[in-house]
Structures are given as C-alpha cells and as structure tokens.
C-alpha cells in the first residue's frame, strides 16, 4: 500500500482500522464478496492486513467464465481459498423459494413502511 497517494493510503488505513475494530468487537467476522471492483479492494485490505476475517462468495451456477478465472487468480495471488457457497439442489429449491419469498415480502413491506414513515415525517417537518 505504500505506493498509493497519501489520501488513498489514509483511507485504506482507516478501513483496516475499522475492520480490526469489528474483529475485536465481534470476534467472528466474515465478508460476502460479490466479486466486483469494490469487493476486490476489500479483499485486498482484508487478506493483506486482517487475514482472520473469512471471505466468501456465492456461486449461483450462472457466473461468467471470466468470473471463475477471477476467483482462481485471487486465490493464487493471496494463497488462500475463497469459500464458495453453491445454489441448493433442485429437491430443496421449491420449499426454499416459498420460504424466501415470504421472508422477502415481509422485509420488503417493512422497509416500505419505514420509507413511507420517513417521507411523511420529512414532509410534515416545518
């Protein structure tokens, strides 16, 4: 990280400090890596400075070949395995989909209610 501009290095150090604080407070910390640009930055910070944090990703079975290549390159670079979780077998899918739909609908309606409440309170403000 020493070859970064000073402002960027300060941000990286602040992020590392926050990651270490989270680890100290919660003990068991993991990071869900989406394999996007920002995820690669956090992967570099975590595996470079706070390797106790586990990193995982989800393989939906619909990833592009380039994404699998990226996973291999990342694992080679850091000498660590990115824990991968895979989609459920077809026999589980129907029951899980119903449960997930119910949970999603409940969370979505709760979030919508909070958003409506926030809009109402902002519009009622002087």
C-alpha atoms as a PDB file:
ATOM      1  CA  UNK A   1       0.000   0.000   0.000  1.00  0.00           C
ATOM      2  CA  UNK A   2       2.957   2.333   0.265  1.00  0.00           C
ATOM      3  CA  UNK A   3       2.782   3.184  -3.437  1.00  0.00           C
ATOM      4  CA  UNK A   4      -0.682   4.739  -3.019  1.00  0.00           C
ATOM      5  CA  UNK A   5      -1.199   8.504  -2.940  1.00  0.00           C
ATOM      6  CA  UNK A   6      -1.286   9.776   0.655  1.00  0.00           C
ATOM      7  CA  UNK A   7      -5.047  10.473   0.715  1.00  0.00           C
ATOM      8  CA  UNK A   8      -5.819   6.978  -0.589  1.00  0.00           C
ATOM      9  CA  UNK A   9      -3.386   5.401   1.844  1.00  0.00           C
ATOM     10  CA  UNK A  10      -5.124   7.249   4.710  1.00  0.00           C
ATOM     11  CA  UNK A  11      -8.487   5.862   3.569  1.00  0.00           C
ATOM     12  CA  UNK A  12      -7.100   2.345   3.335  1.00  0.00           C
ATOM     13  CA  UNK A  13      -5.591   2.620   6.822  1.00  0.00           C
ATOM     14  CA  UNK A  14      -8.908   3.896   8.181  1.00  0.00           C
ATOM     15  CA  UNK A  15     -10.715   0.952   6.580  1.00  0.00           C
ATOM     16  CA  UNK A  16      -8.201  -1.502   8.042  1.00  0.00           C
ATOM     17  CA  UNK A  17      -8.635   0.078  11.459  1.00  0.00           C
ATOM     18  CA  UNK A  18     -12.411  -0.345  11.197  1.00  0.00           C
ATOM     19  CA  UNK A  19     -12.035  -3.959  10.103  1.00  0.00           C
ATOM     20  CA  UNK A  20      -9.749  -4.661  13.069  1.00  0.00           C
ATOM     21  CA  UNK A  21     -12.218  -2.956  15.433  1.00  0.00           C
ATOM     22  CA  UNK A  22     -15.063  -5.091  14.075  1.00  0.00           C
ATOM     23  CA  UNK A  23     -12.976  -8.219  14.570  1.00  0.00           C
ATOM     24  CA  UNK A  24     -12.085  -7.216  18.129  1.00  0.00           C
ATOM     25  CA  UNK A  25     -15.701  -6.472  18.998  1.00  0.00           C
ATOM     26  CA  UNK A  26     -17.497  -9.326  17.241  1.00  0.00           C
ATOM     27  CA  UNK A  27     -14.718 -11.972  17.096  1.00  0.00           C
ATOM     28  CA  UNK A  28     -16.251 -13.923  14.205  1.00  0.00           C
ATOM     29  CA  UNK A  29     -16.382 -11.635  11.164  1.00  0.00           C
ATOM     30  CA  UNK A  30     -16.839 -12.610   7.536  1.00  0.00           C
ATOM     31  CA  UNK A  31     -17.150 -10.683   4.302  1.00  0.00           C
ATOM     32  CA  UNK A  32     -19.532 -11.504   1.449  1.00  0.00           C
ATOM     33  CA  UNK A  33     -17.552 -10.873  -1.724  1.00  0.00           C
ATOM     34  CA  UNK A  34     -19.632 -10.080  -4.812  1.00  0.00           C
ATOM     35  CA  UNK A  35     -16.503 -10.360  -6.992  1.00  0.00           C
ATOM     36  CA  UNK A  36     -16.985  -6.774  -8.190  1.00  0.00           C
ATOM     37  CA  UNK A  37     -14.449  -3.961  -8.194  1.00  0.00           C
ATOM     38  CA  UNK A  38     -15.161  -2.752  -4.637  1.00  0.00           C
ATOM     39  CA  UNK A  39     -15.123  -6.339  -3.367  1.00  0.00           C
ATOM     40  CA  UNK A  40     -11.650  -6.826  -4.780  1.00  0.00           C
ATOM     41  CA  UNK A  41     -10.427  -3.725  -2.942  1.00  0.00           C
ATOM     42  CA  UNK A  42     -11.873  -5.017   0.338  1.00  0.00           C
ATOM     43  CA  UNK A  43     -10.450  -8.474  -0.329  1.00  0.00           C
ATOM     44  CA  UNK A  44      -7.006  -6.930  -0.726  1.00  0.00           C
ATOM     45  CA  UNK A  45      -7.394  -4.968   2.516  1.00  0.00           C
ATOM     46  CA  UNK A  46      -8.753  -7.931   4.460  1.00  0.00           C
ATOM     47  CA  UNK A  47      -6.383 -10.640   3.273  1.00  0.00           C
ATOM     48  CA  UNK A  48      -3.455  -8.236   3.317  1.00  0.00           C
ATOM     49  CA  UNK A  49      -3.989  -6.764   6.791  1.00  0.00           C
ATOM     50  CA  UNK A  50      -6.750  -8.631   8.670  1.00  0.00           C
ATOM     51  CA  UNK A  51      -6.491 -12.230   7.442  1.00  0.00           C
ATOM     52  CA  UNK A  52      -8.611 -13.553  10.330  1.00  0.00           C
ATOM     53  CA  UNK A  53     -11.706 -12.314   8.501  1.00  0.00           C
ATOM     54  CA  UNK A  54     -13.178 -15.047   6.330  1.00  0.00           C
ATOM     55  CA  UNK A  55     -14.247 -14.109   2.817  1.00  0.00           C
ATOM     56  CA  UNK A  56     -16.940 -15.977   0.945  1.00  0.00           C
ATOM     57  CA  UNK A  57     -18.906 -15.695  -2.272  1.00  0.00           C
ATOM     58  CA  UNK A  58     -21.955 -17.311  -3.787  1.00  0.00           C
ATOM     59  CA  UNK A  59     -21.863 -19.321  -6.990  1.00  0.00           C
ATOM     60  CA  UNK A  60     -25.346 -19.165  -8.455  1.00  0.00           C
ATOM     61  CA  UNK A  61     -24.387 -21.513 -11.256  1.00  0.00           C
ATOM     62  CA  UNK A  62     -24.756 -18.600 -13.677  1.00  0.00           C
ATOM     63  CA  UNK A  63     -21.376 -16.909 -13.343  1.00  0.00           C
ATOM     64  CA  UNK A  64     -19.409 -15.977 -16.445  1.00  0.00           C
ATOM     65  CA  UNK A  65     -16.229 -17.924 -17.259  1.00  0.00           C
ATOM     66  CA  UNK A  66     -14.253 -14.725 -16.572  1.00  0.00           C
ATOM     67  CA  UNK A  67     -15.639 -14.703 -13.030  1.00  0.00           C
ATOM     68  CA  UNK A  68     -14.341 -18.225 -12.397  1.00  0.00           C
ATOM     69  CA  UNK A  69     -10.973 -17.091 -13.791  1.00  0.00           C
ATOM     70  CA  UNK A  70     -11.035 -14.147 -11.367  1.00  0.00           C
ATOM     71  CA  UNK A  71     -11.737 -16.471  -8.429  1.00  0.00           C
ATOM     72  CA  UNK A  72      -8.738 -18.614  -9.390  1.00  0.00           C
ATOM     73  CA  UNK A  73      -6.468 -15.574  -9.814  1.00  0.00           C
ATOM     74  CA  UNK A  74      -7.493 -14.134  -6.438  1.00  0.00           C
ATOM     75  CA  UNK A  75      -6.890 -17.447  -4.689  1.00  0.00           C
ATOM     76  CA  UNK A  76      -3.464 -17.805  -6.328  1.00  0.00           C
ATOM     77  CA  UNK A  77      -2.470 -14.221  -5.512  1.00  0.00           C
ATOM     78  CA  UNK A  78      -3.262 -14.492  -1.812  1.00  0.00           C
ATOM     79  CA  UNK A  79      -2.576 -18.200  -1.352  1.00  0.00           C
ATOM     80  CA  UNK A  80      -5.966 -18.635   0.282  1.00  0.00           C
ATOM     81  CA  UNK A  81      -9.227 -20.226  -0.692  1.00  0.00           C
ATOM     82  CA  UNK A  82     -12.260 -18.067  -1.234  1.00  0.00           C
ATOM     83  CA  UNK A  83     -15.042 -20.016   0.457  1.00  0.00           C
ATOM     84  CA  UNK A  84     -17.725 -20.662  -2.128  1.00  0.00           C
ATOM     85  CA  UNK A  85     -21.358 -21.416  -1.431  1.00  0.00           C
ATOM     86  CA  UNK A  86     -23.389 -23.038  -4.155  1.00  0.00           C
ATOM     87  CA  UNK A  87     -27.041 -22.949  -5.049  1.00  0.00           C
ATOM     88  CA  UNK A  88     -29.325 -25.522  -3.490  1.00  0.00           C
ATOM     89  CA  UNK A  89     -30.081 -28.844  -5.133  1.00  0.00           C
ATOM     90  CA  UNK A  90     -33.350 -28.899  -7.116  1.00  0.00           C
ATOM     91  CA  UNK A  91     -35.066 -31.030  -4.460  1.00  0.00           C
ATOM     92  CA  UNK A  92     -34.708 -28.216  -1.891  1.00  0.00           C
ATOM     93  CA  UNK A  93     -35.453 -25.349  -4.231  1.00  0.00           C
ATOM     94  CA  UNK A  94     -39.280 -25.329  -4.166  1.00  0.00           C
ATOM     95  CA  UNK A  95     -39.629 -25.273  -0.390  1.00  0.00           C
ATOM     96  CA  UNK A  96     -36.837 -22.755  -0.035  1.00  0.00           C
ATOM     97  CA  UNK A  97     -38.284 -20.465  -2.697  1.00  0.00           C
ATOM     98  CA  UNK A  98     -41.613 -20.299  -0.852  1.00  0.00           C
ATOM     99  CA  UNK A  99     -39.859 -19.517   2.437  1.00  0.00           C
ATOM    100  CA  UNK A 100     -37.546 -16.960   0.842  1.00  0.00           C
ATOM    101  CA  UNK A 101     -40.493 -15.289  -0.934  1.00  0.00           C
ATOM    102  CA  UNK A 102     -42.349 -14.954   2.342  1.00  0.00           C
ATOM    103  CA  UNK A 103     -39.307 -13.526   4.125  1.00  0.00           C
ATOM    104  CA  UNK A 104     -38.570 -11.158   1.234  1.00  0.00           C
ATOM    105  CA  UNK A 105     -42.183  -9.951   1.140  1.00  0.00           C
ATOM    106  CA  UNK A 106     -42.142  -9.355   4.901  1.00  0.00           C
ATOM    107  CA  UNK A 107     -38.827  -7.488   4.801  1.00  0.00           C
ATOM    108  CA  UNK A 108     -39.878  -5.514   1.727  1.00  0.00           C
ATOM    109  CA  UNK A 109     -43.181  -4.430   3.238  1.00  0.00           C
ATOM    110  CA  UNK A 110     -41.411  -3.453   6.483  1.00  0.00           C
ATOM    111  CA  UNK A 111     -38.831  -1.454   4.532  1.00  0.00           C
ATOM    112  CA  UNK A 112     -41.591   0.208   2.514  1.00  0.00           C
ATOM    113  CA  UNK A 113     -43.399   1.136   5.726  1.00  0.00           C
ATOM    114  CA  UNK A 114     -40.214   2.669   7.143  1.00  0.00           C
ATOM    115  CA  UNK A 115     -39.642   4.596   3.906  1.00  0.00           C
ATOM    116  CA  UNK A 116     -43.231   5.877   3.908  1.00  0.00           C
ATOM    117  CA  UNK A 117     -42.885   6.886   7.538  1.00  0.00           C
ATOM    118  CA  UNK A 118     -39.643   8.732   6.813  1.00  0.00           C
ATOM    119  CA  UNK A 119     -41.222  10.552   3.851  1.00  0.00           C
ATOM    120  CA  UNK A 120     -44.212  11.516   5.968  1.00  0.00           C
ATOM    121  CA  UNK A 121     -42.079  12.816   8.807  1.00  0.00           C
ATOM    122  CA  UNK A 122     -39.909  14.838   6.390  1.00  0.00           C
ATOM    123  CA  UNK A 123     -42.931  16.327   4.635  1.00  0.00           C
ATOM    124  CA  UNK A 124     -44.515  17.204   7.987  1.00  0.00           C
ATOM    125  CA  UNK A 125     -41.389  19.000   9.151  1.00  0.00           C
ATOM    126  CA  UNK A 126     -41.526  22.829   9.081  1.00  0.00           C
END
